[in-house]
PDB file of N, CA and C in Angstrom:
ATOM      1  N   MET A   1     -37.892 -68.653  60.298  1.00  0.00           N
ATOM      2  CA  MET A   1     -37.153 -67.413  60.185  1.00  0.00           C
ATOM      3  C   MET A   1     -37.574 -66.506  61.342  1.00  0.00           C
ATOM      4  N   PRO A   2     -36.618 -66.019  62.136  1.00  0.00           N
ATOM      5  CA  PRO A   2     -36.969 -65.175  63.279  1.00  0.00           C
ATOM      6  C   PRO A   2     -37.556 -63.827  62.846  1.00  0.00           C
ATOM      7  N   THR A   3     -38.460 -63.337  63.659  1.00  0.00           N
ATOM      8  CA  THR A   3     -39.117 -62.067  63.400  1.00  0.00           C
ATOM      9  C   THR A   3     -38.836 -61.135  64.565  1.00  0.00           C
ATOM     10  N   MET A   4     -38.506 -59.876  64.252  1.00  0.00           N
ATOM     11  CA  MET A   4     -38.320 -58.899  65.313  1.00  0.00           C
ATOM     12  C   MET A   4     -39.646 -58.207  65.564  1.00  0.00           C
ATOM     13  N   THR A   5     -40.128 -58.302  66.788  1.00  0.00           N
ATOM     14  CA  THR A   5     -41.374 -57.652  67.167  1.00  0.00           C
ATOM     15  C   THR A   5     -41.069 -56.290  67.782  1.00  0.00           C
ATOM     16  N   ARG A   6     -42.115 -55.552  68.040  1.00  0.00           N
ATOM     17  CA  ARG A   6     -41.962 -54.242  68.681  1.00  0.00           C
ATOM     18  C   ARG A   6     -41.295 -54.392  70.050  1.00  0.00           C
ATOM     19  N   ALA A   7     -41.691 -55.421  70.787  1.00  0.00           N
ATOM     20  CA  ALA A   7     -41.089 -55.669  72.108  1.00  0.00           C
ATOM     21  C   ALA A   7     -39.600 -55.994  71.967  1.00  0.00           C
ATOM     22  N   ASP A   8     -39.227 -56.742  70.930  1.00  0.00           N
ATOM     23  CA  ASP A   8     -37.817 -57.053  70.683  1.00  0.00           C
ATOM     24  C   ASP A   8     -37.028 -55.782  70.369  1.00  0.00           C
ATOM     25  N   LEU A   9     -37.622 -54.900  69.578  1.00  0.00           N
ATOM     26  CA  LEU A   9     -36.980 -53.636  69.228  1.00  0.00           C
ATOM     27  C   LEU A   9     -36.758 -52.789  70.481  1.00  0.00           C
ATOM     28  N   ILE A  10     -37.766 -52.705  71.322  1.00  0.00           N
ATOM     29  CA  ILE A  10     -37.658 -51.936  72.567  1.00  0.00           C
ATOM     30  C   ILE A  10     -36.559 -52.514  73.460  1.00  0.00           C
ATOM     31  N   ALA A  11     -36.525 -53.846  73.581  1.00  0.00           N
ATOM     32  CA  ALA A  11     -35.506 -54.499  74.412  1.00  0.00           C
ATOM     33  C   ALA A  11     -34.107 -54.265  73.845  1.00  0.00           C
ATOM     34  N   ALA A  12     -33.953 -54.316  72.526  1.00  0.00           N
ATOM     35  CA  ALA A  12     -32.646 -54.109  71.901  1.00  0.00           C
ATOM     36  C   ALA A  12     -32.145 -52.687  72.135  1.00  0.00           C
ATOM     37  N   ILE A  13     -33.026 -51.711  71.980  1.00  0.00           N
ATOM     38  CA  ILE A  13     -32.631 -50.313  72.187  1.00  0.00           C
ATOM     39  C   ILE A  13     -32.306 -50.071  73.659  1.00  0.00           C
ATOM     40  N   ALA A  14     -33.138 -50.595  74.552  1.00  0.00           N
ATOM     41  CA  ALA A  14     -32.910 -50.404  75.993  1.00  0.00           C
ATOM     42  C   ALA A  14     -31.593 -51.045  76.434  1.00  0.00           C
ATOM     43  N   SER A  15     -31.236 -52.193  75.871  1.00  0.00           N
ATOM     44  CA  SER A  15     -29.982 -52.847  76.264  1.00  0.00           C
ATOM     45  C   SER A  15     -28.772 -52.119  75.686  1.00  0.00           C
ATOM     46  N   ARG A  16     -28.941 -51.481  74.542  1.00  0.00           N
ATOM     47  CA  ARG A  16     -27.830 -50.749  73.912  1.00  0.00           C
ATOM     48  C   ARG A  16     -27.558 -49.417  74.614  1.00  0.00           C
ATOM     49  N   PHE A  17     -28.593 -48.823  75.178  1.00  0.00           N
ATOM     50  CA  PHE A  17     -28.460 -47.537  75.872  1.00  0.00           C
ATOM     51  C   PHE A  17     -28.891 -47.711  77.328  1.00  0.00           C
ATOM     52  N   PRO A  18     -27.965 -48.055  78.212  1.00  0.00           N
ATOM     53  CA  PRO A  18     -28.326 -48.364  79.599  1.00  0.00           C
ATOM     54  C   PRO A  18     -28.930 -47.190  80.371  1.00  0.00           C
ATOM     55  N   THR A  19     -28.730 -45.951  79.899  1.00  0.00           N
ATOM     56  CA  THR A  19     -29.315 -44.807  80.602  1.00  0.00           C
ATOM     57  C   THR A  19     -30.815 -44.697  80.351  1.00  0.00           C
ATOM     58  N   LEU A  20     -31.302 -45.382  79.320  1.00  0.00           N
ATOM     59  CA  LEU A  20     -32.745 -45.386  79.035  1.00  0.00           C
ATOM     60  C   LEU A  20     -33.410 -46.562  79.726  1.00  0.00           C
ATOM     61  N   THR A  21     -34.528 -46.292  80.350  1.00  0.00           N
ATOM     62  CA  THR A  21     -35.294 -47.392  80.936  1.00  0.00           C
ATOM     63  C   THR A  21     -36.130 -48.029  79.834  1.00  0.00           C
ATOM     64  N   VAL A  22     -36.624 -49.210  80.098  1.00  0.00           N
ATOM     65  CA  VAL A  22     -37.477 -49.889  79.125  1.00  0.00           C
ATOM     66  C   VAL A  22     -38.736 -49.066  78.884  1.00  0.00           C
ATOM     67  N   LYS A  23     -39.259 -48.444  79.940  1.00  0.00           N
ATOM     68  CA  LYS A  23     -40.454 -47.606  79.808  1.00  0.00           C
ATOM     69  C   LYS A  23     -40.182 -46.403  78.900  1.00  0.00           C
ATOM     70  N   ASP A  24     -39.044 -45.734  79.087  1.00  0.00           N
ATOM     71  CA  ASP A  24     -38.692 -44.596  78.235  1.00  0.00           C
ATOM     72  C   ASP A  24     -38.504 -45.031  76.784  1.00  0.00           C
ATOM     73  N   THR A  25     -37.865 -46.162  76.594  1.00  0.00           N
ATOM     74  CA  THR A  25     -37.647 -46.690  75.247  1.00  0.00           C
ATOM     75  C   THR A  25     -38.977 -47.029  74.592  1.00  0.00           C
ATOM     76  N   ASP A  26     -39.879 -47.615  75.358  1.00  0.00           N
ATOM     77  CA  ASP A  26     -41.212 -47.958  74.843  1.00  0.00           C
ATOM     78  C   ASP A  26     -41.938 -46.693  74.378  1.00  0.00           C
ATOM     79  N   ILE A  27     -41.870 -45.634  75.179  1.00  0.00           N
ATOM     80  CA  ILE A  27     -42.517 -44.367  74.822  1.00  0.00           C
ATOM     81  C   ILE A  27     -41.886 -43.788  73.550  1.00  0.00           C
ATOM     82  N   ALA A  28     -40.553 -43.846  73.449  1.00  0.00           N
ATOM     83  CA  ALA A  28     -39.858 -43.302  72.282  1.00  0.00           C
ATOM     84  C   ALA A  28     -40.237 -44.059  71.013  1.00  0.00           C
ATOM     85  N   VAL A  29     -40.238 -45.381  71.070  1.00  0.00           N
ATOM     86  CA  VAL A  29     -40.599 -46.192  69.906  1.00  0.00           C
ATOM     87  C   VAL A  29     -42.046 -45.928  69.510  1.00  0.00           C
ATOM     88  N   LYS A  30     -42.942 -45.843  70.496  1.00  0.00           N
ATOM     89  CA  LYS A  30     -44.348 -45.569  70.213  1.00  0.00           C
ATOM     90  C   LYS A  30     -44.509 -44.214  69.532  1.00  0.00           C
ATOM     91  N   GLU A  31     -43.813 -43.204  70.022  1.00  0.00           N
ATOM     92  CA  GLU A  31     -43.906 -41.867  69.435  1.00  0.00           C
ATOM     93  C   GLU A  31     -43.382 -41.837  67.996  1.00  0.00           C
ATOM     94  N   ILE A  32     -42.286 -42.527  67.743  1.00  0.00           N
ATOM     95  CA  ILE A  32     -41.735 -42.575  66.384  1.00  0.00           C
ATOM     96  C   ILE A  32     -42.726 -43.241  65.434  1.00  0.00           C
ATOM     97  N   LEU A  33     -43.257 -44.386  65.832  1.00  0.00           N
ATOM     98  CA  LEU A  33     -44.208 -45.096  64.971  1.00  0.00           C
ATOM     99  C   LEU A  33     -45.499 -44.303  64.788  1.00  0.00           C
ATOM    100  N   ASP A  34     -45.956 -43.629  65.849  1.00  0.00           N
ATOM    101  CA  ASP A  34     -47.154 -42.792  65.732  1.00  0.00           C
ATOM    102  C   ASP A  34     -46.922 -41.616  64.791  1.00  0.00           C
ATOM    103  N   ALA A  35     -45.726 -41.013  64.855  1.00  0.00           N
ATOM    104  CA  ALA A  35     -45.408 -39.885  63.975  1.00  0.00           C
ATOM    105  C   ALA A  35     -45.393 -40.334  62.510  1.00  0.00           C
ATOM    106  N   ILE A  36     -44.836 -41.500  62.255  1.00  0.00           N
ATOM    107  CA  ILE A  36     -44.835 -42.033  60.885  1.00  0.00           C
ATOM    108  C   ILE A  36     -46.271 -42.279  60.429  1.00  0.00           C
ATOM    109  N   GLY A  37     -47.073 -42.875  61.286  1.00  0.00           N
ATOM    110  CA  GLY A  37     -48.478 -43.155  60.951  1.00  0.00           C
ATOM    111  C   GLY A  37     -49.282 -41.880  60.700  1.00  0.00           C
ATOM    112  N   ARG A  38     -49.078 -40.858  61.547  1.00  0.00           N
ATOM    113  CA  ARG A  38     -49.788 -39.589  61.353  1.00  0.00           C
ATOM    114  C   ARG A  38     -49.402 -38.924  60.039  1.00  0.00           C
ATOM    115  N   SER A  39     -48.119 -38.940  59.719  1.00  0.00           N
ATOM    116  CA  SER A  39     -47.661 -38.329  58.470  1.00  0.00           C
ATOM    117  C   SER A  39     -48.257 -39.044  57.262  1.00  0.00           C
ATOM    118  N   LEU A  40     -48.275 -40.362  57.295  1.00  0.00           N
ATOM    119  CA  LEU A  40     -48.863 -41.119  56.184  1.00  0.00           C
ATOM    120  C   LEU A  40     -50.363 -40.863  56.086  1.00  0.00           C
ATOM    121  N   ALA A  41     -51.034 -40.759  57.235  1.00  0.00           N
ATOM    122  CA  ALA A  41     -52.469 -40.502  57.236  1.00  0.00           C
ATOM    123  C   ALA A  41     -52.799 -39.145  56.628  1.00  0.00           C
ATOM    124  N   GLN A  42     -51.864 -38.201  56.705  1.00  0.00           N
ATOM    125  CA  GLN A  42     -52.056 -36.879  56.111  1.00  0.00           C
ATOM    126  C   GLN A  42     -51.635 -36.858  54.643  1.00  0.00           C
ATOM    127  N   GLY A  43     -51.150 -37.991  54.148  1.00  0.00           N
ATOM    128  CA  GLY A  43     -50.738 -38.067  52.748  1.00  0.00           C
ATOM    129  C   GLY A  43     -49.300 -37.669  52.512  1.00  0.00           C
ATOM    130  N   ASP A  44     -48.536 -37.471  53.591  1.00  0.00           N
ATOM    131  CA  ASP A  44     -47.140 -37.075  53.457  1.00  0.00           C
ATOM    132  C   ASP A  44     -46.247 -38.294  53.243  1.00  0.00           C
ATOM    133  N   ARG A  45     -45.049 -38.029  52.754  1.00  0.00           N
ATOM    134  CA  ARG A  45     -44.024 -39.054  52.575  1.00  0.00           C
ATOM    135  C   ARG A  45     -43.072 -38.944  53.755  1.00  0.00           C
ATOM    136  N   VAL A  46     -42.591 -40.077  54.281  1.00  0.00           N
ATOM    137  CA  VAL A  46     -41.661 -40.082  55.407  1.00  0.00           C
ATOM    138  C   VAL A  46     -40.354 -40.693  54.924  1.00  0.00           C
ATOM    139  N   GLU A  47     -39.259 -39.960  55.123  1.00  0.00           N
ATOM    140  CA  GLU A  47     -37.950 -40.456  54.708  1.00  0.00           C
ATOM    141  C   GLU A  47     -37.016 -40.475  55.896  1.00  0.00           C
ATOM    142  N   ILE A  48     -36.384 -41.617  56.129  1.00  0.00           N
ATOM    143  CA  ILE A  48     -35.400 -41.768  57.193  1.00  0.00           C
ATOM    144  C   ILE A  48     -34.081 -42.110  56.505  1.00  0.00           C
ATOM    145  N   ARG A  49     -33.160 -41.149  56.478  1.00  0.00           N
ATOM    146  CA  ARG A  49     -31.889 -41.313  55.767  1.00  0.00           C
ATOM    147  C   ARG A  49     -31.159 -42.562  56.242  1.00  0.00           C
ATOM    148  N   GLY A  50     -30.661 -43.338  55.302  1.00  0.00           N
ATOM    149  CA  GLY A  50     -29.917 -44.553  55.615  1.00  0.00           C
ATOM    150  C   GLY A  50     -30.808 -45.748  55.888  1.00  0.00           C
ATOM    151  N   PHE A  51     -32.101 -45.530  56.028  1.00  0.00           N
ATOM    152  CA  PHE A  51     -33.033 -46.627  56.316  1.00  0.00           C
ATOM    153  C   PHE A  51     -33.989 -46.831  55.154  1.00  0.00           C
ATOM    154  N   GLY A  52     -34.783 -45.808  54.835  1.00  0.00           N
ATOM    155  CA  GLY A  52     -35.728 -45.936  53.729  1.00  0.00           C
ATOM    156  C   GLY A  52     -36.817 -44.898  53.818  1.00  0.00           C
ATOM    157  N   SER A  53     -37.827 -45.070  52.977  1.00  0.00           N
ATOM    158  CA  SER A  53     -38.926 -44.106  52.959  1.00  0.00           C
ATOM    159  C   SER A  53     -40.265 -44.825  52.902  1.00  0.00           C
ATOM    160  N   PHE A  54     -41.254 -44.154  53.469  1.00  0.00           N
ATOM    161  CA  PHE A  54     -42.627 -44.649  53.469  1.00  0.00           C
ATOM    162  C   PHE A  54     -43.466 -43.690  52.645  1.00  0.00           C
ATOM    163  N   ARG A  55     -44.353 -44.225  51.846  1.00  0.00           N
ATOM    164  CA  ARG A  55     -45.285 -43.396  51.085  1.00  0.00           C
ATOM    165  C   ARG A  55     -46.566 -44.195  50.891  1.00  0.00           C
ATOM    166  N   LEU A  56     -47.574 -43.533  50.333  1.00  0.00           N
ATOM    167  CA  LEU A  56     -48.844 -44.206  50.087  1.00  0.00           C
ATOM    168  C   LEU A  56     -48.932 -44.614  48.623  1.00  0.00           C
ATOM    169  N   ASN A  57     -49.407 -45.814  48.381  1.00  0.00           N
ATOM    170  CA  ASN A  57     -49.693 -46.286  47.025  1.00  0.00           C
ATOM    171  C   ASN A  57     -51.205 -46.299  46.848  1.00  0.00           C
ATOM    172  N   TYR A  58     -51.663 -45.775  45.729  1.00  0.00           N
ATOM    173  CA  TYR A  58     -53.092 -45.761  45.430  1.00  0.00           C
ATOM    174  C   TYR A  58     -53.460 -47.024  44.653  1.00  0.00           C
ATOM    175  N   HIS A  59     -54.516 -47.702  45.087  1.00  0.00           N
ATOM    176  CA  HIS A  59     -55.042 -48.867  44.390  1.00  0.00           C
ATOM    177  C   HIS A  59     -56.479 -48.537  43.984  1.00  0.00           C
ATOM    178  N   PRO A  60     -56.752 -48.421  42.682  1.00  0.00           N
ATOM    179  CA  PRO A  60     -58.108 -48.066  42.244  1.00  0.00           C
ATOM    180  C   PRO A  60     -59.105 -49.183  42.540  1.00  0.00           C
ATOM    181  N   ALA A  61     -60.387 -48.824  42.509  1.00  0.00           N
ATOM    182  CA  ALA A  61     -61.447 -49.813  42.719  1.00  0.00           C
ATOM    183  C   ALA A  61     -61.368 -50.859  41.613  1.00  0.00           C
ATOM    184  N   ARG A  62     -61.707 -52.079  41.964  1.00  0.00           N
ATOM    185  CA  ARG A  62     -61.669 -53.167  40.982  1.00  0.00           C
ATOM    186  C   ARG A  62     -62.692 -54.219  41.358  1.00  0.00           C
ATOM    187  N   SER A  63     -62.824 -55.180  40.494  1.00  0.00           N
ATOM    188  CA  SER A  63     -63.718 -56.298  40.767  1.00  0.00           C
ATOM    189  C   SER A  63     -62.869 -57.502  41.149  1.00  0.00           C
ATOM    190  N   GLY A  64     -63.138 -58.068  42.318  1.00  0.00           N
ATOM    191  CA  GLY A  64     -62.417 -59.246  42.780  1.00  0.00           C
ATOM    192  C   GLY A  64     -63.350 -60.442  42.796  1.00  0.00           C
ATOM    193  N   ARG A  65     -62.837 -61.562  43.227  1.00  0.00           N
ATOM    194  CA  ARG A  65     -63.648 -62.779  43.310  1.00  0.00           C
ATOM    195  C   ARG A  65     -63.494 -63.393  44.694  1.00  0.00           C
ATOM    196  N   ASN A  66     -64.612 -63.862  45.240  1.00  0.00           N
ATOM    197  CA  ASN A  66     -64.581 -64.614  46.482  1.00  0.00           C
ATOM    198  C   ASN A  66     -63.966 -65.971  46.140  1.00  0.00           C
ATOM    199  N   PRO A  67     -62.836 -66.341  46.734  1.00  0.00           N
ATOM    200  CA  PRO A  67     -62.178 -67.593  46.350  1.00  0.00           C
ATOM    201  C   PRO A  67     -63.000 -68.844  46.681  1.00  0.00           C
ATOM    202  N   ARG A  68     -63.869 -68.733  47.658  1.00  0.00           N
ATOM    203  CA  ARG A  68     -64.660 -69.899  48.039  1.00  0.00           C
ATOM    204  C   ARG A  68     -65.835 -70.126  47.097  1.00  0.00           C
ATOM    205  N   THR A  69     -66.546 -69.041  46.760  1.00  0.00           N
ATOM    206  CA  THR A  69     -67.757 -69.187  45.941  1.00  0.00           C
ATOM    207  C   THR A  69     -67.555 -68.798  44.485  1.00  0.00           C
ATOM    208  N   GLY A  70     -66.521 -68.014  44.197  1.00  0.00           N
ATOM    209  CA  GLY A  70     -66.294 -67.559  42.829  1.00  0.00           C
ATOM    210  C   GLY A  70     -67.160 -66.373  42.438  1.00  0.00           C
ATOM    211  N   VAL A  71     -67.946 -65.845  43.375  1.00  0.00           N
ATOM    212  CA  VAL A  71     -68.829 -64.720  43.099  1.00  0.00           C
ATOM    213  C   VAL A  71     -68.001 -63.433  43.001  1.00  0.00           C
ATOM    214  N   ALA A  72     -68.315 -62.599  42.006  1.00  0.00           N
ATOM    215  CA  ALA A  72     -67.620 -61.320  41.852  1.00  0.00           C
ATOM    216  C   ALA A  72     -67.950 -60.404  43.031  1.00  0.00           C
ATOM    217  N   VAL A  73     -66.930 -59.746  43.558  1.00  0.00           N
ATOM    218  CA  VAL A  73     -67.081 -58.864  44.710  1.00  0.00           C
ATOM    219  C   VAL A  73     -66.398 -57.537  44.381  1.00  0.00           C
ATOM    220  N   PRO A  74     -67.092 -56.407  44.593  1.00  0.00           N
ATOM    221  CA  PRO A  74     -66.423 -55.130  44.338  1.00  0.00           C
ATOM    222  C   PRO A  74     -65.397 -54.832  45.438  1.00  0.00           C
ATOM    223  N   VAL A  75     -64.202 -54.447  45.030  1.00  0.00           N
ATOM    224  CA  VAL A  75     -63.151 -54.068  45.973  1.00  0.00           C
ATOM    225  C   VAL A  75     -62.989 -52.554  45.850  1.00  0.00           C
ATOM    226  N   PRO A  76     -63.222 -51.808  46.934  1.00  0.00           N
ATOM    227  CA  PRO A  76     -63.161 -50.341  46.850  1.00  0.00           C
ATOM    228  C   PRO A  76     -61.732 -49.842  46.656  1.00  0.00           C
ATOM    229  N   GLU A  77     -61.621 -48.585  46.197  1.00  0.00           N
ATOM    230  CA  GLU A  77     -60.302 -47.978  46.072  1.00  0.00           C
ATOM    231  C   GLU A  77     -59.698 -47.820  47.454  1.00  0.00           C
ATOM    232  N   LYS A  78     -58.362 -47.811  47.508  1.00  0.00           N
ATOM    233  CA  LYS A  78     -57.713 -47.658  48.813  1.00  0.00           C
ATOM    234  C   LYS A  78     -56.288 -47.162  48.638  1.00  0.00           C
ATOM    235  N   TYR A  79     -55.768 -46.601  49.709  1.00  0.00           N
ATOM    236  CA  TYR A  79     -54.382 -46.188  49.794  1.00  0.00           C
ATOM    237  C   TYR A  79     -53.697 -47.115  50.784  1.00  0.00           C
ATOM    238  N   LEU A  80     -52.562 -47.664  50.384  1.00  0.00           N
ATOM    239  CA  LEU A  80     -51.829 -48.567  51.259  1.00  0.00           C
ATOM    240  C   LEU A  80     -50.412 -48.046  51.467  1.00  0.00           C
ATOM    241  N   PRO A  81     -49.875 -48.183  52.687  1.00  0.00           N
ATOM    242  CA  PRO A  81     -48.502 -47.746  52.926  1.00  0.00           C
ATOM    243  C   PRO A  81     -47.523 -48.623  52.153  1.00  0.00           C
ATOM    244  N   HIS A  82     -46.457 -48.008  51.676  1.00  0.00           N
ATOM    245  CA  HIS A  82     -45.432 -48.721  50.920  1.00  0.00           C
ATOM    246  C   HIS A  82     -44.068 -48.285  51.433  1.00  0.00           C
ATOM    247  N   PHE A  83     -43.197 -49.248  51.702  1.00  0.00           N
ATOM    248  CA  PHE A  83     -41.849 -48.953  52.190  1.00  0.00           C
ATOM    249  C   PHE A  83     -40.842 -49.242  51.097  1.00  0.00           C
ATOM    250  N   THR A  84     -39.912 -48.317  50.890  1.00  0.00           N
ATOM    251  CA  THR A  84     -38.807 -48.523  49.962  1.00  0.00           C
ATOM    252  C   THR A  84     -37.517 -48.416  50.767  1.00  0.00           C
ATOM    253  N   ALA A  85     -36.721 -49.475  50.749  1.00  0.00           N
ATOM    254  CA  ALA A  85     -35.473 -49.485  51.501  1.00  0.00           C
ATOM    255  C   ALA A  85     -34.487 -48.503  50.892  1.00  0.00           C
ATOM    256  N   GLY A  86     -33.736 -47.818  51.754  1.00  0.00           N
ATOM    257  CA  GLY A  86     -32.706 -46.891  51.302  1.00  0.00           C
ATOM    258  C   GLY A  86     -31.464 -47.638  50.845  1.00  0.00           C
ATOM    259  N   LYS A  87     -30.576 -46.923  50.171  1.00  0.00           N
ATOM    260  CA  LYS A  87     -29.369 -47.523  49.616  1.00  0.00           C
ATOM    261  C   LYS A  87     -28.513 -48.179  50.701  1.00  0.00           C
ATOM    262  N   GLU A  88     -28.313 -47.473  51.817  1.00  0.00           N
ATOM    263  CA  GLU A  88     -27.480 -48.007  52.894  1.00  0.00           C
ATOM    264  C   GLU A  88     -28.066 -49.295  53.461  1.00  0.00           C
ATOM    265  N   LEU A  89     -29.377 -49.344  53.681  1.00  0.00           N
ATOM    266  CA  LEU A  89     -30.030 -50.550  54.190  1.00  0.00           C
ATOM    267  C   LEU A  89     -29.918 -51.689  53.183  1.00  0.00           C
ATOM    268  N   ARG A  90     -30.158 -51.399  51.908  1.00  0.00           N
ATOM    269  CA  ARG A  90     -30.040 -52.438  50.874  1.00  0.00           C
ATOM    270  C   ARG A  90     -28.630 -53.024  50.847  1.00  0.00           C
ATOM    271  N   GLU A  91     -27.629 -52.155  50.953  1.00  0.00           N
ATOM    272  CA  GLU A  91     -26.243 -52.623  50.924  1.00  0.00           C
ATOM    273  C   GLU A  91     -25.908 -53.474  52.149  1.00  0.00           C
ATOM    274  N   ARG A  92     -26.413 -53.085  53.328  1.00  0.00           N
ATOM    275  CA  ARG A  92     -26.159 -53.876  54.543  1.00  0.00           C
ATOM    276  C   ARG A  92     -26.815 -55.243  54.460  1.00  0.00           C
ATOM    277  N   VAL A  93     -28.031 -55.286  53.931  1.00  0.00           N
ATOM    278  CA  VAL A  93     -28.737 -56.560  53.795  1.00  0.00           C
ATOM    279  C   VAL A  93     -28.019 -57.448  52.779  1.00  0.00           C
ATOM    280  N   GLU A  94     -27.626 -56.859  51.662  1.00  0.00           N
ATOM    281  CA  GLU A  94     -26.933 -57.620  50.624  1.00  0.00           C
ATOM    282  C   GLU A  94     -25.618 -58.195  51.148  1.00  0.00           C
ATOM    283  N   ALA A  95     -24.872 -57.397  51.911  1.00  0.00           N
ATOM    284  CA  ALA A  95     -23.608 -57.869  52.473  1.00  0.00           C
ATOM    285  C   ALA A  95     -23.837 -59.000  53.472  1.00  0.00           C
ATOM    286  N   SER A  96     -24.876 -58.916  54.282  1.00  0.00           N
ATOM    287  CA  SER A  96     -25.137 -59.959  55.271  1.00  0.00           C
ATOM    288  C   SER A  96     -25.601 -61.244  54.603  1.00  0.00           C
ATOM    289  N   VAL A  97     -26.310 -61.131  53.505  1.00  0.00           N
ATOM    290  CA  VAL A  97     -26.782 -62.321  52.791  1.00  0.00           C
ATOM    291  C   VAL A  97     -25.605 -63.029  52.125  1.00  0.00           C
ATOM    292  N   LYS A  98     -24.641 -62.263  51.634  1.00  0.00           N
ATOM    293  CA  LYS A  98     -23.455 -62.866  51.019  1.00  0.00           C
ATOM    294  C   LYS A  98     -22.637 -63.619  52.056  1.00  0.00           C
ATOM    295  N   ASP A  99     -22.560 -63.082  53.293  1.00  0.00           N
ATOM    296  CA  ASP A  99     -21.796 -63.732  54.363  1.00  0.00           C
ATOM    297  C   ASP A  99     -22.468 -65.019  54.825  1.00  0.00           C
ATOM    298  N   ALA A 100     -23.766 -64.985  55.018  1.00  0.00           N
ATOM    299  CA  ALA A 100     -24.525 -66.158  55.486  1.00  0.00           C
ATOM    300  C   ALA A 100     -25.826 -66.216  54.711  1.00  0.00           C
ATOM    301  N   PRO A 101     -25.867 -66.979  53.617  1.00  0.00           N
ATOM    302  CA  PRO A 101     -27.075 -67.016  52.794  1.00  0.00           C
ATOM    303  C   PRO A 101     -28.316 -67.399  53.604  1.00  0.00           C
ATOM    304  N   LEU A 102     -29.415 -66.682  53.336  1.00  0.00           N
ATOM    305  CA  LEU A 102     -30.684 -66.959  53.989  1.00  0.00           C
ATOM    306  C   LEU A 102     -31.364 -68.138  53.305  1.00  0.00           C
ATOM    307  N   GLN A 103     -32.257 -68.787  54.021  1.00  0.00           N
ATOM    308  CA  GLN A 103     -33.013 -69.873  53.416  1.00  0.00           C
ATOM    309  C   GLN A 103     -34.050 -69.298  52.482  1.00  0.00           C
ATOM    310  N   GLN A 104     -34.253 -69.953  51.355  1.00  0.00           N
ATOM    311  CA  GLN A 104     -35.241 -69.534  50.409  1.00  0.00           C
ATOM    312  C   GLN A 104     -36.635 -69.872  50.939  1.00  0.00           C
ATOM    313  N   VAL A 105     -37.557 -68.945  50.774  1.00  0.00           N
ATOM    314  CA  VAL A 105     -38.941 -69.185  51.188  1.00  0.00           C
ATOM    315  C   VAL A 105     -39.639 -69.932  50.060  1.00  0.00           C
ATOM    316  N   ALA A 106     -40.313 -71.008  50.407  1.00  0.00           N
ATOM    317  CA  ALA A 106     -40.966 -71.841  49.378  1.00  0.00           C
ATOM    318  C   ALA A 106     -42.203 -71.203  48.844  1.00  0.00           C
TER     319      ALA A 106
END
């Protein structure tokens, strides 16, 4: 299954907007991603209309197990970023899957 990387995103945007250089596009993408990261680091929620929203999920401390040895290991509490797709994105993905079904991941 193909994966879009940051470089692929920059190339796609630069090819769609010929007035932007690849360097300018790279700076713009970096700034957008940095702004999202800074907002999440401050505990804020980020919403991009038509795309989705990012927020932090809290995971309390728990006891885990080392899969190799089976020894109990304490796992500290943490906040992890969580993305929720917006309605428009969900509908576009659903429509594209109906047109050309994706392969099921085993």
